[in-house]
Amino acid sequence: VLLQKLESIRSDGYAMDCEEFRLGSTCIAAPLMNHNGRVLAAISVSLPTVRFSSVDCAAIVDAVIRKAHEISSELGYSICESQGGLVARETG
């Protein structure tokens, strides 16, 4: 089950925690990648679950992924639209 969840997170480009870590809290996170394609860190947004709705979810997920892509790009990673994700830039 864990490996399936990790693969889903990798393909979606983000992870969501709905009261798994703390009761009453929802968190959405996306990875920050460097020029070598390694995850350096992550950014996340947390909010009370009672204030969270499916409408909010789409907007928050989009904002978190967009900002993670922006930061990753500054770290040497580039967006590959055809792949739907991030790919390492050619160097050298």
PDB file of N, CA and C in Angstrom:
ATOM      1  N   VAL A   1       0.824  -1.190   0.000  1.00  0.00           N
ATOM      2  CA  VAL A   1       0.000   0.000   0.000  1.00  0.00           C
ATOM      3  C   VAL A   1       0.872   1.258   0.000  1.00  0.00           C
ATOM      4  N   LEU A   2       1.925   1.284   0.789  1.00  0.00           N
ATOM      5  CA  LEU A   2       2.806   2.446   0.848  1.00  0.00           C
ATOM      6  C   LEU A   2       3.453   2.727  -0.502  1.00  0.00           C
ATOM      7  N   LEU A   3       3.957   1.692  -1.166  1.00  0.00           N
ATOM      8  CA  LEU A   3       4.596   1.887  -2.469  1.00  0.00           C
ATOM      9  C   LEU A   3       3.607   2.426  -3.503  1.00  0.00           C
ATOM     10  N   GLN A   4       2.363   1.969  -3.437  1.00  0.00           N
ATOM     11  CA  GLN A   4       1.339   2.472  -4.345  1.00  0.00           C
ATOM     12  C   GLN A   4       1.057   3.946  -4.071  1.00  0.00           C
ATOM     13  N   LYS A   5       0.996   4.311  -2.808  1.00  0.00           N
ATOM     14  CA  LYS A   5       0.765   5.701  -2.426  1.00  0.00           C
ATOM     15  C   LYS A   5       1.924   6.577  -2.894  1.00  0.00           C
ATOM     16  N   LEU A   6       3.157   6.118  -2.720  1.00  0.00           N
ATOM     17  CA  LEU A   6       4.323   6.888  -3.153  1.00  0.00           C
ATOM     18  C   LEU A   6       4.343   7.063  -4.667  1.00  0.00           C
ATOM     19  N   GLU A   7       3.974   6.038  -5.398  1.00  0.00           N
ATOM     20  CA  GLU A   7       3.914   6.143  -6.857  1.00  0.00           C
ATOM     21  C   GLU A   7       2.842   7.142  -7.282  1.00  0.00           C
ATOM     22  N   SER A   8       1.722   7.130  -6.605  1.00  0.00           N
ATOM     23  CA  SER A   8       0.655   8.088  -6.887  1.00  0.00           C
ATOM     24  C   SER A   8       1.123   9.518  -6.619  1.00  0.00           C
ATOM     25  N   ILE A   9       1.817   9.724  -5.526  1.00  0.00           N
ATOM     26  CA  ILE A   9       2.359  11.042  -5.188  1.00  0.00           C
ATOM     27  C   ILE A   9       3.351  11.482  -6.255  1.00  0.00           C
ATOM     28  N   ARG A  10       4.217  10.577  -6.667  1.00  0.00           N
ATOM     29  CA  ARG A  10       5.217  10.904  -7.697  1.00  0.00           C
ATOM     30  C   ARG A  10       4.531  11.299  -9.005  1.00  0.00           C
ATOM     31  N   SER A  11       3.539  10.561  -9.425  1.00  0.00           N
ATOM     32  CA  SER A  11       2.883  10.867 -10.696  1.00  0.00           C
ATOM     33  C   SER A  11       1.996  12.110 -10.603  1.00  0.00           C
ATOM     34  N   ASP A  12       1.381  12.346  -9.459  1.00  0.00           N
ATOM     35  CA  ASP A  12       0.526  13.529  -9.282  1.00  0.00           C
ATOM     36  C   ASP A  12       1.338  14.801  -9.065  1.00  0.00           C
ATOM     37  N   GLY A  13       2.533  14.663  -8.501  1.00  0.00           N
ATOM     38  CA  GLY A  13       3.379  15.816  -8.246  1.00  0.00           C
ATOM     39  C   GLY A  13       3.122  16.492  -6.914  1.00  0.00           C
ATOM     40  N   TYR A  14       2.275  15.898  -6.095  1.00  0.00           N
ATOM     41  CA  TYR A  14       2.001  16.459  -4.774  1.00  0.00           C
ATOM     42  C   TYR A  14       1.491  15.360  -3.843  1.00  0.00           C
ATOM     43  N   ALA A  15       1.510  15.678  -2.551  1.00  0.00           N
ATOM     44  CA  ALA A  15       0.965  14.768  -1.546  1.00  0.00           C
ATOM     45  C   ALA A  15      -0.056  15.525  -0.706  1.00  0.00           C
ATOM     46  N   MET A  16      -1.049  14.812  -0.223  1.00  0.00           N
ATOM     47  CA  MET A  16      -2.042  15.430   0.640  1.00  0.00           C
ATOM     48  C   MET A  16      -2.220  14.576   1.891  1.00  0.00           C
ATOM     49  N   ASP A  17      -2.260  15.252   3.021  1.00  0.00           N
ATOM     50  CA  ASP A  17      -2.470  14.618   4.316  1.00  0.00           C
ATOM     51  C   ASP A  17      -3.749  15.199   4.899  1.00  0.00           C
ATOM     52  N   CYS A  18      -4.775  14.394   4.999  1.00  0.00           N
ATOM     53  CA  CYS A  18      -6.048  14.849   5.555  1.00  0.00           C
ATOM     54  C   CYS A  18      -6.246  14.188   6.913  1.00  0.00           C
ATOM     55  N   GLU A  19      -5.801  14.881   7.934  1.00  0.00           N
ATOM     56  CA  GLU A  19      -5.907  14.434   9.324  1.00  0.00           C
ATOM     57  C   GLU A  19      -5.130  13.147   9.608  1.00  0.00           C
ATOM     58  N   GLU A  20      -4.140  12.833   8.786  1.00  0.00           N
ATOM     59  CA  GLU A  20      -3.322  11.647   9.039  1.00  0.00           C
ATOM     60  C   GLU A  20      -2.267  11.920  10.105  1.00  0.00           C
ATOM     61  N   PHE A  21      -1.749  13.146  10.118  1.00  0.00           N
ATOM     62  CA  PHE A  21      -0.720  13.504  11.096  1.00  0.00           C
ATOM     63  C   PHE A  21      -1.334  14.168  12.322  1.00  0.00           C
ATOM     64  N   ARG A  22      -2.261  15.092  12.083  1.00  0.00           N
ATOM     65  CA  ARG A  22      -2.875  15.824  13.189  1.00  0.00           C
ATOM     66  C   ARG A  22      -4.364  15.964  12.935  1.00  0.00           C
ATOM     67  N   LEU A  23      -5.163  15.555  13.890  1.00  0.00           N
ATOM     68  CA  LEU A  23      -6.609  15.657  13.797  1.00  0.00           C
ATOM     69  C   LEU A  23      -7.000  17.118  13.577  1.00  0.00           C
ATOM     70  N   GLY A  24      -7.830  17.352  12.579  1.00  0.00           N
ATOM     71  CA  GLY A  24      -8.308  18.697  12.299  1.00  0.00           C
ATOM     72  C   GLY A  24      -7.433  19.490  11.346  1.00  0.00           C
ATOM     73  N   SER A  25      -6.393  18.869  10.787  1.00  0.00           N
ATOM     74  CA  SER A  25      -5.462  19.579   9.909  1.00  0.00           C
ATOM     75  C   SER A  25      -5.316  18.855   8.572  1.00  0.00           C
ATOM     76  N   THR A  26      -5.326  19.635   7.498  1.00  0.00           N
ATOM     77  CA  THR A  26      -5.084  19.117   6.154  1.00  0.00           C
ATOM     78  C   THR A  26      -3.855  19.814   5.586  1.00  0.00           C
ATOM     79  N   CYS A  27      -3.007  19.064   4.894  1.00  0.00           N
ATOM     80  CA  CYS A  27      -1.769  19.610   4.354  1.00  0.00           C
ATOM     81  C   CYS A  27      -1.587  19.131   2.915  1.00  0.00           C
ATOM     82  N   ILE A  28      -1.131  20.048   2.060  1.00  0.00           N
ATOM     83  CA  ILE A  28      -0.788  19.722   0.674  1.00  0.00           C
ATOM     84  C   ILE A  28       0.665  20.118   0.474  1.00  0.00           C
ATOM     85  N   ALA A  29       1.481  19.206  -0.089  1.00  0.00           N
ATOM     86  CA  ALA A  29       2.912  19.467  -0.250  1.00  0.00           C
ATOM     87  C   ALA A  29       3.383  19.043  -1.636  1.00  0.00           C
ATOM     88  N   ALA A  30       4.442  19.717  -2.105  1.00  0.00           N
ATOM     89  CA  ALA A  30       5.063  19.376  -3.387  1.00  0.00           C
ATOM     90  C   ALA A  30       6.583  19.471  -3.230  1.00  0.00           C
ATOM     91  N   PRO A  31       7.321  18.643  -3.976  1.00  0.00           N
ATOM     92  CA  PRO A  31       8.779  18.607  -3.820  1.00  0.00           C
ATOM     93  C   PRO A  31       9.486  19.766  -4.521  1.00  0.00           C
ATOM     94  N   LEU A  32      10.641  20.127  -3.983  1.00  0.00           N
ATOM     95  CA  LEU A  32      11.555  21.081  -4.616  1.00  0.00           C
ATOM     96  C   LEU A  32      12.733  20.269  -5.128  1.00  0.00           C
ATOM     97  N   MET A  33      12.965  20.349  -6.440  1.00  0.00           N
ATOM     98  CA  MET A  33      13.983  19.535  -7.093  1.00  0.00           C
ATOM     99  C   MET A  33      15.183  20.388  -7.484  1.00  0.00           C
ATOM    100  N   ASN A  34      16.384  19.782  -7.436  1.00  0.00           N
ATOM    101  CA  ASN A  34      17.576  20.510  -7.878  1.00  0.00           C
ATOM    102  C   ASN A  34      17.910  20.146  -9.325  1.00  0.00           C
ATOM    103  N   HIS A  35      19.015  20.673  -9.826  1.00  0.00           N
ATOM    104  CA  HIS A  35      19.417  20.451 -11.221  1.00  0.00           C
ATOM    105  C   HIS A  35      19.751  18.999 -11.532  1.00  0.00           C
ATOM    106  N   ASN A  36      20.021  18.198 -10.512  1.00  0.00           N
ATOM    107  CA  ASN A  36      20.326  16.775 -10.710  1.00  0.00           C
ATOM    108  C   ASN A  36      19.090  15.887 -10.606  1.00  0.00           C
ATOM    109  N   GLY A  37      17.954  16.494 -10.359  1.00  0.00           N
ATOM    110  CA  GLY A  37      16.731  15.711 -10.243  1.00  0.00           C
ATOM    111  C   GLY A  37      16.493  15.135  -8.868  1.00  0.00           C
ATOM    112  N   ARG A  38      17.203  15.626  -7.900  1.00  0.00           N
ATOM    113  CA  ARG A  38      17.025  15.146  -6.529  1.00  0.00           C
ATOM    114  C   ARG A  38      16.100  16.077  -5.760  1.00  0.00           C
ATOM    115  N   VAL A  39      15.289  15.477  -4.898  1.00  0.00           N
ATOM    116  CA  VAL A  39      14.419  16.263  -4.043  1.00  0.00           C
ATOM    117  C   VAL A  39      15.270  16.861  -2.931  1.00  0.00           C
ATOM    118  N   LEU A  40      15.256  18.185  -2.836  1.00  0.00           N
ATOM    119  CA  LEU A  40      16.015  18.883  -1.796  1.00  0.00           C
ATOM    120  C   LEU A  40      15.166  19.152  -0.569  1.00  0.00           C
ATOM    121  N   ALA A  41      13.915  19.458  -0.805  1.00  0.00           N
ATOM    122  CA  ALA A  41      12.999  19.854   0.264  1.00  0.00           C
ATOM    123  C   ALA A  41      11.589  19.796  -0.297  1.00  0.00           C
ATOM    124  N   ALA A  42      10.653  20.339   0.439  1.00  0.00           N
ATOM    125  CA  ALA A  42       9.280  20.427  -0.037  1.00  0.00           C
ATOM    126  C   ALA A  42       8.662  21.708   0.509  1.00  0.00           C
ATOM    127  N   ILE A  43       7.642  22.162  -0.182  1.00  0.00           N
ATOM    128  CA  ILE A  43       6.841  23.257   0.347  1.00  0.00           C
ATOM    129  C   ILE A  43       5.453  22.705   0.618  1.00  0.00           C
ATOM    130  N   SER A  44       4.765  23.317   1.570  1.00  0.00           N
ATOM    131  CA  SER A  44       3.439  22.822   1.908  1.00  0.00           C
ATOM    132  C   SER A  44       2.545  23.946   2.405  1.00  0.00           C
ATOM    133  N   VAL A  45       1.267  23.683   2.348  1.00  0.00           N
ATOM    134  CA  VAL A  45       0.245  24.557   2.896  1.00  0.00           C
ATOM    135  C   VAL A  45      -0.614  23.695   3.808  1.00  0.00           C
ATOM    136  N   SER A  46      -0.817  24.169   5.029  1.00  0.00           N
ATOM    137  CA  SER A  46      -1.675  23.470   5.982  1.00  0.00           C
ATOM    138  C   SER A  46      -2.822  24.383   6.382  1.00  0.00           C
ATOM    139  N   LEU A  47      -3.974  23.793   6.593  1.00  0.00           N
ATOM    140  CA  LEU A  47      -5.125  24.560   7.032  1.00  0.00           C
ATOM    141  C   LEU A  47      -6.069  23.662   7.815  1.00  0.00           C
ATOM    142  N   PRO A  48      -6.944  24.265   8.606  1.00  0.00           N
ATOM    143  CA  PRO A  48      -7.908  23.448   9.344  1.00  0.00           C
ATOM    144  C   PRO A  48      -8.818  22.693   8.370  1.00  0.00           C
ATOM    145  N   THR A  49      -9.032  21.438   8.635  1.00  0.00           N
ATOM    146  CA  THR A  49      -9.860  20.603   7.764  1.00  0.00           C
ATOM    147  C   THR A  49     -11.264  21.169   7.611  1.00  0.00           C
ATOM    148  N   VAL A  50     -11.813  21.779   8.651  1.00  0.00           N
ATOM    149  CA  VAL A  50     -13.173  22.323   8.581  1.00  0.00           C
ATOM    150  C   VAL A  50     -13.278  23.465   7.573  1.00  0.00           C
ATOM    151  N   ARG A  51     -12.158  24.096   7.221  1.00  0.00           N
ATOM    152  CA  ARG A  51     -12.161  25.185   6.243  1.00  0.00           C
ATOM    153  C   ARG A  51     -11.802  24.705   4.846  1.00  0.00           C
ATOM    154  N   PHE A  52     -11.612  23.407   4.704  1.00  0.00           N
ATOM    155  CA  PHE A  52     -11.152  22.812   3.456  1.00  0.00           C
ATOM    156  C   PHE A  52     -12.334  22.239   2.694  1.00  0.00           C
ATOM    157  N   SER A  53     -12.400  22.505   1.394  1.00  0.00           N
ATOM    158  CA  SER A  53     -13.439  21.918   0.550  1.00  0.00           C
ATOM    159  C   SER A  53     -12.797  21.467  -0.756  1.00  0.00           C
ATOM    160  N   SER A  54     -13.534  20.716  -1.552  1.00  0.00           N
ATOM    161  CA  SER A  54     -12.979  20.241  -2.821  1.00  0.00           C
ATOM    162  C   SER A  54     -12.676  21.416  -3.756  1.00  0.00           C
ATOM    163  N   VAL A  55     -13.423  22.494  -3.652  1.00  0.00           N
ATOM    164  CA  VAL A  55     -13.152  23.682  -4.461  1.00  0.00           C
ATOM    165  C   VAL A  55     -11.820  24.283  -4.043  1.00  0.00           C
ATOM    166  N   ASP A  56     -11.610  24.418  -2.740  1.00  0.00           N
ATOM    167  CA  ASP A  56     -10.339  24.913  -2.225  1.00  0.00           C
ATOM    168  C   ASP A  56      -9.202  24.000  -2.645  1.00  0.00           C
ATOM    169  N   CYS A  57      -9.443  22.710  -2.624  1.00  0.00           N
ATOM    170  CA  CYS A  57      -8.401  21.725  -2.897  1.00  0.00           C
ATOM    171  C   CYS A  57      -7.747  21.969  -4.251  1.00  0.00           C
ATOM    172  N   ALA A  58      -8.532  22.102  -5.288  1.00  0.00           N
ATOM    173  CA  ALA A  58      -7.972  22.279  -6.626  1.00  0.00           C
ATOM    174  C   ALA A  58      -7.124  23.550  -6.703  1.00  0.00           C
ATOM    175  N   ALA A  59      -7.600  24.631  -6.133  1.00  0.00           N
ATOM    176  CA  ALA A  59      -6.859  25.897  -6.172  1.00  0.00           C
ATOM    177  C   ALA A  59      -5.579  25.812  -5.358  1.00  0.00           C
ATOM    178  N   ILE A  60      -5.650  25.182  -4.203  1.00  0.00           N
ATOM    179  CA  ILE A  60      -4.465  25.067  -3.350  1.00  0.00           C
ATOM    180  C   ILE A  60      -3.435  24.141  -3.983  1.00  0.00           C
ATOM    181  N   VAL A  61      -3.873  23.003  -4.495  1.00  0.00           N
ATOM    182  CA  VAL A  61      -2.961  22.074  -5.164  1.00  0.00           C
ATOM    183  C   VAL A  61      -2.265  22.783  -6.326  1.00  0.00           C
ATOM    184  N   ASP A  62      -3.028  23.484  -7.148  1.00  0.00           N
ATOM    185  CA  ASP A  62      -2.433  24.204  -8.281  1.00  0.00           C
ATOM    186  C   ASP A  62      -1.403  25.220  -7.810  1.00  0.00           C
ATOM    187  N   ALA A  63      -1.725  25.978  -6.769  1.00  0.00           N
ATOM    188  CA  ALA A  63      -0.802  27.002  -6.266  1.00  0.00           C
ATOM    189  C   ALA A  63       0.473  26.385  -5.693  1.00  0.00           C
ATOM    190  N   VAL A  64       0.341  25.305  -4.947  1.00  0.00           N
ATOM    191  CA  VAL A  64       1.517  24.652  -4.349  1.00  0.00           C
ATOM    192  C   VAL A  64       2.411  24.062  -5.442  1.00  0.00           C
ATOM    193  N   ILE A  65       1.822  23.379  -6.400  1.00  0.00           N
ATOM    194  CA  ILE A  65       2.610  22.793  -7.492  1.00  0.00           C
ATOM    195  C   ILE A  65       3.268  23.889  -8.330  1.00  0.00           C
ATOM    196  N   ARG A  66       2.524  24.937  -8.638  1.00  0.00           N
ATOM    197  CA  ARG A  66       3.080  26.038  -9.437  1.00  0.00           C
ATOM    198  C   ARG A  66       4.286  26.672  -8.726  1.00  0.00           C
ATOM    199  N   LYS A  67       4.161  26.923  -7.425  1.00  0.00           N
ATOM    200  CA  LYS A  67       5.270  27.531  -6.674  1.00  0.00           C
ATOM    201  C   LYS A  67       6.442  26.557  -6.567  1.00  0.00           C
ATOM    202  N   ALA A  68       6.171  25.261  -6.376  1.00  0.00           N
ATOM    203  CA  ALA A  68       7.249  24.265  -6.314  1.00  0.00           C
ATOM    204  C   ALA A  68       7.991  24.213  -7.647  1.00  0.00           C
ATOM    205  N   HIS A  69       7.265  24.287  -8.764  1.00  0.00           N
ATOM    206  CA  HIS A  69       7.906  24.303 -10.084  1.00  0.00           C
ATOM    207  C   HIS A  69       8.764  25.549 -10.258  1.00  0.00           C
ATOM    208  N   GLU A  70       8.242  26.690  -9.803  1.00  0.00           N
ATOM    209  CA  GLU A  70       8.980  27.944  -9.912  1.00  0.00           C
ATOM    210  C   GLU A  70      10.293  27.883  -9.122  1.00  0.00           C
ATOM    211  N   ILE A  71      10.224  27.419  -7.890  1.00  0.00           N
ATOM    212  CA  ILE A  71      11.426  27.318  -7.059  1.00  0.00           C
ATOM    213  C   ILE A  71      12.389  26.287  -7.642  1.00  0.00           C
ATOM    214  N   SER A  72      11.858  25.138  -8.075  1.00  0.00           N
ATOM    215  CA  SER A  72      12.696  24.097  -8.667  1.00  0.00           C
ATOM    216  C   SER A  72      13.411  24.608  -9.906  1.00  0.00           C
ATOM    217  N   SER A  73      12.719  25.405 -10.705  1.00  0.00           N
ATOM    218  CA  SER A  73      13.326  25.992 -11.894  1.00  0.00           C
ATOM    219  C   SER A  73      14.504  26.884 -11.510  1.00  0.00           C
ATOM    220  N   GLU A  74      14.349  27.648 -10.444  1.00  0.00           N
ATOM    221  CA  GLU A  74      15.441  28.495  -9.968  1.00  0.00           C
ATOM    222  C   GLU A  74      16.622  27.662  -9.463  1.00  0.00           C
ATOM    223  N   LEU A  75      16.349  26.420  -9.077  1.00  0.00           N
ATOM    224  CA  LEU A  75      17.400  25.508  -8.610  1.00  0.00           C
ATOM    225  C   LEU A  75      18.010  24.700  -9.751  1.00  0.00           C
ATOM    226  N   GLY A  76      17.585  24.960 -10.997  1.00  0.00           N
ATOM    227  CA  GLY A  76      18.183  24.290 -12.148  1.00  0.00           C
ATOM    228  C   GLY A  76      17.327  23.232 -12.793  1.00  0.00           C
ATOM    229  N   TYR A  77      16.126  23.034 -12.289  1.00  0.00           N
ATOM    230  CA  TYR A  77      15.214  22.067 -12.879  1.00  0.00           C
ATOM    231  C   TYR A  77      14.320  22.782 -13.866  1.00  0.00           C
ATOM    232  N   SER A  78      13.851  22.084 -14.900  1.00  0.00           N
ATOM    233  CA  SER A  78      12.953  22.729 -15.849  1.00  0.00           C
ATOM    234  C   SER A  78      11.688  21.895 -16.018  1.00  0.00           C
ATOM    235  N   ILE A  79      10.626  22.597 -16.356  1.00  0.00           N
ATOM    236  CA  ILE A  79       9.329  21.955 -16.538  1.00  0.00           C
ATOM    237  C   ILE A  79       9.279  21.335 -17.927  1.00  0.00           C
ATOM    238  N   CYS A  80       8.786  20.119 -17.991  1.00  0.00           N
ATOM    239  CA  CYS A  80       8.576  19.446 -19.278  1.00  0.00           C
ATOM    240  C   CYS A  80       7.079  19.228 -19.412  1.00  0.00           C
ATOM    241  N   GLU A  81       6.419  20.116 -20.158  1.00  0.00           N
ATOM    242  CA  GLU A  81       4.963  20.065 -20.274  1.00  0.00           C
ATOM    243  C   GLU A  81       4.473  18.745 -20.863  1.00  0.00           C
ATOM    244  N   SER A  82       5.204  18.174 -21.821  1.00  0.00           N
ATOM    245  CA  SER A  82       4.745  16.930 -22.438  1.00  0.00           C
ATOM    246  C   SER A  82       4.782  15.767 -21.457  1.00  0.00           C
ATOM    247  N   GLN A  83       5.665  15.854 -20.484  1.00  0.00           N
ATOM    248  CA  GLN A  83       5.762  14.820 -19.469  1.00  0.00           C
ATOM    249  C   GLN A  83       4.834  15.120 -18.296  1.00  0.00           C
ATOM    250  N   GLY A  84       4.358  16.364 -18.202  1.00  0.00           N
ATOM    251  CA  GLY A  84       3.475  16.734 -17.107  1.00  0.00           C
ATOM    252  C   GLY A  84       4.214  16.919 -15.803  1.00  0.00           C
ATOM    253  N   GLY A  85       5.507  17.133 -15.853  1.00  0.00           N
ATOM    254  CA  GLY A  85       6.239  17.276 -14.613  1.00  0.00           C
ATOM    255  C   GLY A  85       7.549  17.976 -14.817  1.00  0.00           C
ATOM    256  N   LEU A  86       8.499  17.695 -13.944  1.00  0.00           N
ATOM    257  CA  LEU A  86       9.799  18.329 -13.978  1.00  0.00           C
ATOM    258  C   LEU A  86      10.830  17.373 -14.552  1.00  0.00           C
ATOM    259  N   VAL A  87      11.787  17.920 -15.299  1.00  0.00           N
ATOM    260  CA  VAL A  87      12.908  17.115 -15.797  1.00  0.00           C
ATOM    261  C   VAL A  87      14.193  17.885 -15.610  1.00  0.00           C
ATOM    262  N   ALA A  88      15.305  17.182 -15.439  1.00  0.00           N
ATOM    263  CA  ALA A  88      16.592  17.849 -15.239  1.00  0.00           C
ATOM    264  C   ALA A  88      17.024  18.539 -16.519  1.00  0.00           C
ATOM    265  N   ARG A  89      17.603  19.717 -16.359  1.00  0.00           N
ATOM    266  CA  ARG A  89      18.164  20.435 -17.505  1.00  0.00           C
ATOM    267  C   ARG A  89      19.452  19.784 -17.945  1.00  0.00           C
ATOM    268  N   GLU A  90      19.705  19.866 -19.226  1.00  0.00           N
ATOM    269  CA  GLU A  90      20.991  19.416 -19.747  1.00  0.00           C
ATOM    270  C   GLU A  90      22.059  20.380 -19.274  1.00  0.00           C
ATOM    271  N   THR A  91      23.156  19.844 -18.773  1.00  0.00           N
ATOM    272  CA  THR A  91      24.268  20.705 -18.352  1.00  0.00           C
ATOM    273  C   THR A  91      25.524  20.270 -19.068  1.00  0.00           C
ATOM    274  N   GLY A  92      26.475  21.221 -19.215  1.00  0.00           N
ATOM    275  CA  GLY A  92      27.751  20.849 -19.794  1.00  0.00           C
ATOM    276  C   GLY A  92      27.905  21.426 -21.114  1.00  0.00           C
TER     277      GLY A  92
END
